Protein backbone atom coordinates (compact mmCIF):
# COMPACT_ATOMS: atom_id res chain seq x y z
CA MET A 1 3.54 -14.81 52.88
CA LYS A 2 4.57 -18.47 52.86
CA ARG A 3 7.62 -19.58 50.79
CA THR A 4 5.57 -21.73 48.52
CA GLN A 5 3.11 -18.82 47.99
CA CYS A 6 6.03 -16.40 47.35
CA SER A 7 7.58 -18.84 44.81
CA ALA A 8 4.25 -19.13 42.96
CA VAL A 9 3.93 -15.36 42.77
CA VAL A 10 7.43 -15.09 41.47
CA ARG A 11 6.73 -17.74 38.84
CA TYR A 12 3.51 -15.99 37.81
CA PHE A 13 5.17 -12.59 37.30
CA ALA A 14 8.09 -14.24 35.51
CA SER A 15 5.72 -15.97 33.09
CA CYS A 16 3.85 -12.64 32.52
CA VAL A 17 7.18 -10.90 31.72
CA ALA A 18 8.14 -13.64 29.37
CA LEU A 19 4.76 -13.55 27.65
CA TYR A 20 5.10 -9.77 27.22
CA ILE A 21 8.59 -10.07 25.77
CA VAL A 22 7.52 -12.85 23.40
CA GLY A 23 4.42 -10.89 22.43
CA ALA A 24 6.39 -7.76 21.86
CA GLY A 25 8.83 -9.70 19.79
CA ILE A 26 6.10 -11.07 17.65
CA ALA A 27 4.51 -7.62 17.21
CA LEU A 28 7.78 -6.11 16.21
CA ALA A 29 8.89 -8.92 13.87
CA ALA A 30 9.15 -8.11 10.27
CA ASP A 31 10.07 -9.74 7.06
CA GLY A 32 12.80 -8.26 5.06
CA TYR A 33 13.37 -7.87 1.29
CA ARG A 34 15.75 -8.44 -1.60
CA VAL A 35 15.71 -6.10 -4.61
CA LEU A 36 15.52 -8.04 -7.81
CA HIS A 37 15.28 -5.12 -10.34
CA ALA A 38 15.13 -1.45 -10.33
CA TYR A 39 13.22 0.37 -12.95
CA PRO A 40 12.95 4.02 -13.97
CA HIS A 41 10.10 6.04 -12.36
CA ASP A 42 9.11 9.65 -12.83
CA PRO A 43 10.62 11.59 -9.98
CA ARG A 44 7.91 14.23 -10.37
CA ALA A 45 5.11 11.68 -9.84
CA PHE A 46 3.34 12.11 -6.50
CA THR A 47 2.39 8.49 -6.37
CA GLN A 48 -1.03 7.69 -4.76
CA GLY A 49 -2.10 4.54 -6.55
CA LEU A 50 -0.46 1.83 -8.57
CA VAL A 51 -1.67 -1.34 -10.25
CA TYR A 52 -0.13 -3.68 -12.82
CA VAL A 53 -2.53 -5.10 -15.50
CA ASP A 54 -1.93 -7.06 -18.72
CA GLY A 55 1.76 -6.09 -18.89
CA TYR A 56 1.45 -2.40 -18.05
CA LEU A 57 1.70 -0.20 -14.92
CA TYR A 58 -1.20 2.20 -14.27
CA GLU A 59 -0.58 4.98 -11.81
CA SER A 60 -2.63 7.68 -10.04
CA THR A 61 -0.67 10.71 -8.99
CA GLY A 62 -1.78 13.50 -6.65
CA LEU A 63 -1.48 17.24 -5.81
CA ASN A 64 -3.98 19.71 -6.92
CA GLY A 65 -3.14 20.91 -10.42
CA GLN A 66 -0.81 17.97 -10.96
CA SER A 67 -2.98 14.99 -10.52
CA THR A 68 -3.05 12.41 -13.30
CA LEU A 69 -3.95 8.93 -14.46
CA ARG A 70 -1.12 7.22 -16.42
CA LYS A 71 -0.41 4.10 -18.26
CA GLU A 72 3.42 3.35 -18.20
CA ASP A 73 5.91 1.02 -19.65
CA LEU A 74 7.62 -0.89 -16.76
CA GLU A 75 11.05 -1.26 -18.34
CA THR A 76 11.53 2.33 -19.39
CA GLY A 77 9.19 4.23 -17.09
CA ARG A 78 7.84 5.99 -20.16
CA VAL A 79 4.30 7.39 -19.85
CA LEU A 80 2.28 5.84 -22.75
CA LYS A 81 -1.00 7.48 -21.99
CA GLU A 82 -2.12 10.18 -19.54
CA ALA A 83 -5.42 11.86 -18.38
CA ARG A 84 -5.11 14.99 -16.32
CA LEU A 85 -7.57 15.77 -13.53
CA PRO A 86 -9.15 19.14 -13.14
CA SER A 87 -7.09 21.21 -10.68
CA ARG A 88 -9.82 21.03 -7.93
CA TYR A 89 -9.21 17.24 -7.58
CA PHE A 90 -6.34 15.54 -5.76
CA GLY A 91 -5.76 12.07 -7.31
CA GLU A 92 -5.55 9.17 -4.93
CA GLY A 93 -5.91 5.31 -4.85
CA LEU A 94 -6.38 3.34 -8.08
CA THR A 95 -7.46 -0.14 -9.07
CA ASN A 96 -8.78 -2.02 -12.03
CA TRP A 97 -12.23 -3.52 -12.41
CA GLY A 98 -12.96 -5.45 -15.55
CA ASN A 99 -12.07 -3.25 -18.41
CA THR A 100 -12.19 -0.10 -16.33
CA LEU A 101 -9.95 1.77 -13.91
CA ILE A 102 -11.24 3.42 -10.85
CA GLN A 103 -9.54 6.30 -9.35
CA LEU A 104 -10.25 7.96 -5.99
CA THR A 105 -9.88 11.57 -5.04
CA TRP A 106 -8.80 12.78 -1.69
CA LEU A 107 -11.30 15.30 -0.22
CA SER A 108 -13.73 15.62 -3.04
CA HIS A 109 -15.75 12.52 -2.27
CA VAL A 110 -15.62 11.61 -5.96
CA ALA A 111 -14.38 8.57 -7.66
CA PHE A 112 -13.85 8.45 -11.43
CA VAL A 113 -14.43 5.37 -13.68
CA TYR A 114 -12.43 5.21 -16.86
CA ASP A 115 -12.30 2.92 -19.86
CA ARG A 116 -8.89 1.23 -19.36
CA ALA A 117 -7.97 1.12 -23.11
CA THR A 118 -8.87 4.67 -24.00
CA PHE A 119 -8.91 6.52 -20.61
CA LYS A 120 -12.32 7.81 -21.62
CA LEU A 121 -14.07 8.96 -18.43
CA LEU A 122 -17.25 6.84 -18.18
CA ARG A 123 -18.79 8.19 -14.92
CA ALA A 124 -18.17 9.73 -11.60
CA LEU A 125 -19.30 8.14 -8.45
CA HIS A 126 -20.04 9.60 -5.02
CA CYS A 127 -17.54 8.40 -2.38
CA PRO A 128 -18.70 8.77 1.26
CA TRP A 129 -15.19 8.86 2.66
CA GLU A 130 -11.93 10.63 1.99
CA GLY A 131 -10.07 8.59 -0.71
CA TRP A 132 -6.71 7.21 0.13
CA GLY A 133 -5.98 3.69 -1.24
CA LEU A 134 -8.00 1.28 -3.39
CA THR A 135 -7.80 -2.26 -4.44
CA GLN A 136 -10.12 -5.20 -5.14
CA ASP A 137 -10.68 -8.90 -4.42
CA ARG A 138 -12.70 -9.78 -7.48
CA LYS A 139 -15.88 -9.43 -5.52
CA HIS A 140 -15.54 -5.93 -3.91
CA LEU A 141 -13.50 -2.72 -4.03
CA ILE A 142 -11.43 -2.24 -0.82
CA LEU A 143 -10.92 1.37 0.19
CA SER A 144 -8.70 3.09 2.92
CA ASN A 145 -9.41 6.45 4.22
CA GLY A 146 -6.45 7.16 6.39
CA SER A 147 -7.90 5.57 9.41
CA SER A 148 -7.46 2.02 10.86
CA THR A 149 -10.71 0.93 9.04
CA LEU A 150 -10.86 -0.74 5.48
CA TYR A 151 -14.19 -0.60 3.64
CA PHE A 152 -15.38 -3.32 1.21
CA LEU A 153 -17.63 -1.64 -1.42
CA ASN A 154 -19.98 -2.41 -4.15
CA PRO A 155 -17.85 -1.82 -7.27
CA GLN A 156 -20.84 -0.28 -9.19
CA THR A 157 -22.08 2.16 -6.56
CA LEU A 158 -19.37 2.34 -3.88
CA ALA A 159 -22.06 1.43 -1.34
CA GLU A 160 -20.51 -0.12 1.82
CA VAL A 161 -20.85 -3.90 2.12
CA ARG A 162 -18.83 -4.51 5.18
CA SER A 163 -15.81 -3.05 6.93
CA ILE A 164 -12.80 -4.41 9.02
CA HIS A 165 -10.83 -2.71 11.77
CA VAL A 166 -7.15 -3.29 11.29
CA THR A 167 -5.17 -4.07 14.36
CA ASP A 168 -1.60 -5.44 15.29
CA HIS A 169 -1.93 -7.48 18.43
CA GLY A 170 -4.98 -5.47 19.44
CA ALA A 171 -3.54 -2.09 18.65
CA PRO A 172 -5.23 -0.12 15.80
CA VAL A 173 -2.98 0.46 12.80
CA LYS A 174 -3.87 3.91 11.55
CA GLU A 175 -3.15 5.87 8.43
CA LEU A 176 -3.49 2.99 6.08
CA ASN A 177 -2.84 4.26 2.54
CA GLU A 178 -2.03 2.58 -0.74
CA LEU A 179 -3.46 -0.98 -1.02
CA GLU A 180 -2.94 -4.13 -3.05
CA TYR A 181 -4.72 -7.44 -2.80
CA ILE A 182 -2.31 -10.44 -3.12
CA HIS A 183 -2.97 -14.07 -2.64
CA GLY A 184 -5.85 -13.54 -0.22
CA GLU A 185 -4.24 -10.79 1.84
CA ILE A 186 -4.37 -6.99 1.73
CA TYR A 187 -0.98 -5.33 1.50
CA ALA A 188 -1.11 -1.77 2.87
CA ASN A 189 1.33 1.12 3.02
CA VAL A 190 1.17 3.09 6.19
CA TRP A 191 1.70 6.66 5.61
CA MET A 192 5.13 8.05 6.36
CA LYS A 193 6.35 4.56 7.31
CA ASN A 194 8.93 2.29 5.60
CA LYS A 195 6.81 -0.76 6.07
CA ILE A 196 3.98 -2.70 4.49
CA ALA A 197 1.27 -4.42 6.57
CA ARG A 198 -0.03 -7.76 5.39
CA ILE A 199 -3.63 -7.83 6.55
CA SER A 200 -6.34 -10.62 6.95
CA PRO A 201 -9.44 -9.47 4.91
CA LEU A 202 -11.55 -11.50 7.24
CA SER A 203 -10.30 -10.42 10.72
CA GLY A 204 -8.39 -7.22 10.06
CA ASN A 205 -5.41 -8.67 11.95
CA VAL A 206 -1.94 -7.87 10.63
CA LEU A 207 -0.44 -11.11 9.72
CA ARG A 208 3.12 -9.92 8.95
CA TRP A 209 5.04 -6.78 8.35
CA ILE A 210 7.56 -6.22 5.56
CA ASN A 211 10.32 -3.85 6.56
CA LEU A 212 11.42 -1.79 3.48
CA THR A 213 13.96 0.48 5.28
CA GLY A 214 16.65 1.47 2.77
CA VAL A 215 15.03 0.24 -0.34
CA LEU A 216 15.41 3.73 -1.76
CA PRO A 217 18.97 4.95 -0.94
CA GLN A 218 19.07 8.13 1.03
CA ILE A 219 20.94 9.99 -1.75
CA TRP A 220 17.91 9.68 -3.93
CA ILE A 221 15.55 11.21 -1.41
CA ARG A 222 15.01 14.94 -2.25
CA SER A 223 11.95 15.81 -0.30
CA PRO A 224 10.33 14.88 3.10
CA GLU A 225 7.24 14.04 0.93
CA ALA A 226 9.27 11.34 -0.88
CA VAL A 227 7.82 8.43 1.14
CA LEU A 228 6.94 4.82 0.38
CA ASN A 229 3.50 4.68 -1.30
CA GLY A 230 2.98 2.25 -4.11
CA ILE A 231 2.34 -1.57 -4.26
CA ALA A 232 1.55 -3.43 -7.50
CA TYR A 233 1.56 -7.14 -8.24
CA ASP A 234 2.06 -9.06 -11.49
CA ALA A 235 0.06 -12.13 -10.88
CA ALA A 236 1.11 -13.87 -14.13
CA HIS A 237 4.82 -13.68 -13.23
CA LYS A 238 4.49 -13.42 -9.53
CA ARG A 239 6.32 -10.09 -9.28
CA LEU A 240 5.96 -7.64 -6.42
CA PHE A 241 6.66 -3.94 -7.15
CA VAL A 242 7.00 -0.94 -4.73
CA THR A 243 7.80 2.72 -5.23
CA GLY A 244 6.98 6.10 -3.63
CA LYS A 245 5.96 9.51 -4.04
CA LEU A 246 8.59 11.44 -5.96
CA TRP A 247 10.81 8.39 -6.20
CA PRO A 248 13.04 8.06 -9.16
CA ARG A 249 12.92 4.27 -9.15
CA LEU A 250 10.31 1.55 -8.92
CA PHE A 251 11.53 -1.72 -7.45
CA GLU A 252 10.79 -5.37 -7.98
CA ILE A 253 11.30 -7.01 -4.58
CA GLN A 254 11.34 -10.57 -3.11
CA VAL A 255 10.15 -10.77 0.42
CA VAL A 256 12.75 -12.43 2.74
CA PRO A 257 10.99 -14.24 5.63
CA GLY A 258 12.11 -13.92 9.13
CA GLY A 259 13.43 -10.35 9.32
CA GLY A 260 16.58 -8.70 8.17
CA PHE A 261 16.74 -6.96 4.75
CA LYS A 262 19.16 -6.69 1.87
CA SER A 263 19.39 -3.38 0.02
CA GLN A 264 19.77 -3.07 -3.62
CA PRO A 265 23.18 -3.00 -5.58
CA ARG A 266 24.73 0.44 -5.54
CA LEU A 267 23.04 2.75 -8.01
CA PRO A 268 24.55 5.92 -9.74
CA ALA A 269 23.79 9.19 -8.09
CA PRO A 270 20.57 10.75 -9.50
């Protein structure tokens, strides 16, 4: 091989390595967070769905025999209204639609529609998929089923309108769970991970990650099931809330661009 050819090959492979490193850096880059407030949260709540509407938190909790729909006071964590699901149902994702709340169940292929003011059950809808997370973009419901696919649904019938395949630099992002639609992006918990994906609803590409490692101090974690799983947004006051299954606190956070994170001030032991 001639020297000029060898130099060209070396330059080529060097550029490939550089592109790989840069690409990997982009894929792994994540925004951090700052905790602004910590609020009480029922440590027995197996949080599966969370939404903030008109000054109140609404929460769907899971586990057979323990699943509920709740209306809660943010400041105190007090449950103001509660509807219990029959023991055969495992509560999952939750979102608001008009004056109603729509709650998924996990394996039963049923979604429940409630009057938001009274919690009166209005109807049950057949759901073709496992229910994991649920949100809406004012046009469609958006459902996760534990895969890397998100489904956009007719809010009256749950019929599929379209779907997107969620990827991070071409790699599928599986086990998408609790969802929230914020400023034209889908925020998604990934099951058993301390991070939130910010997803394009058009392409399915992950736009950014939020690294929430350490948001709940280790001393507060009493079960391997106590994982991050709850996102809610107060559009009126631009407040972002996160919590998890069996967490004794719900946190208002500010996203810190560019990586790194700041944990909350020291809290008393539970």
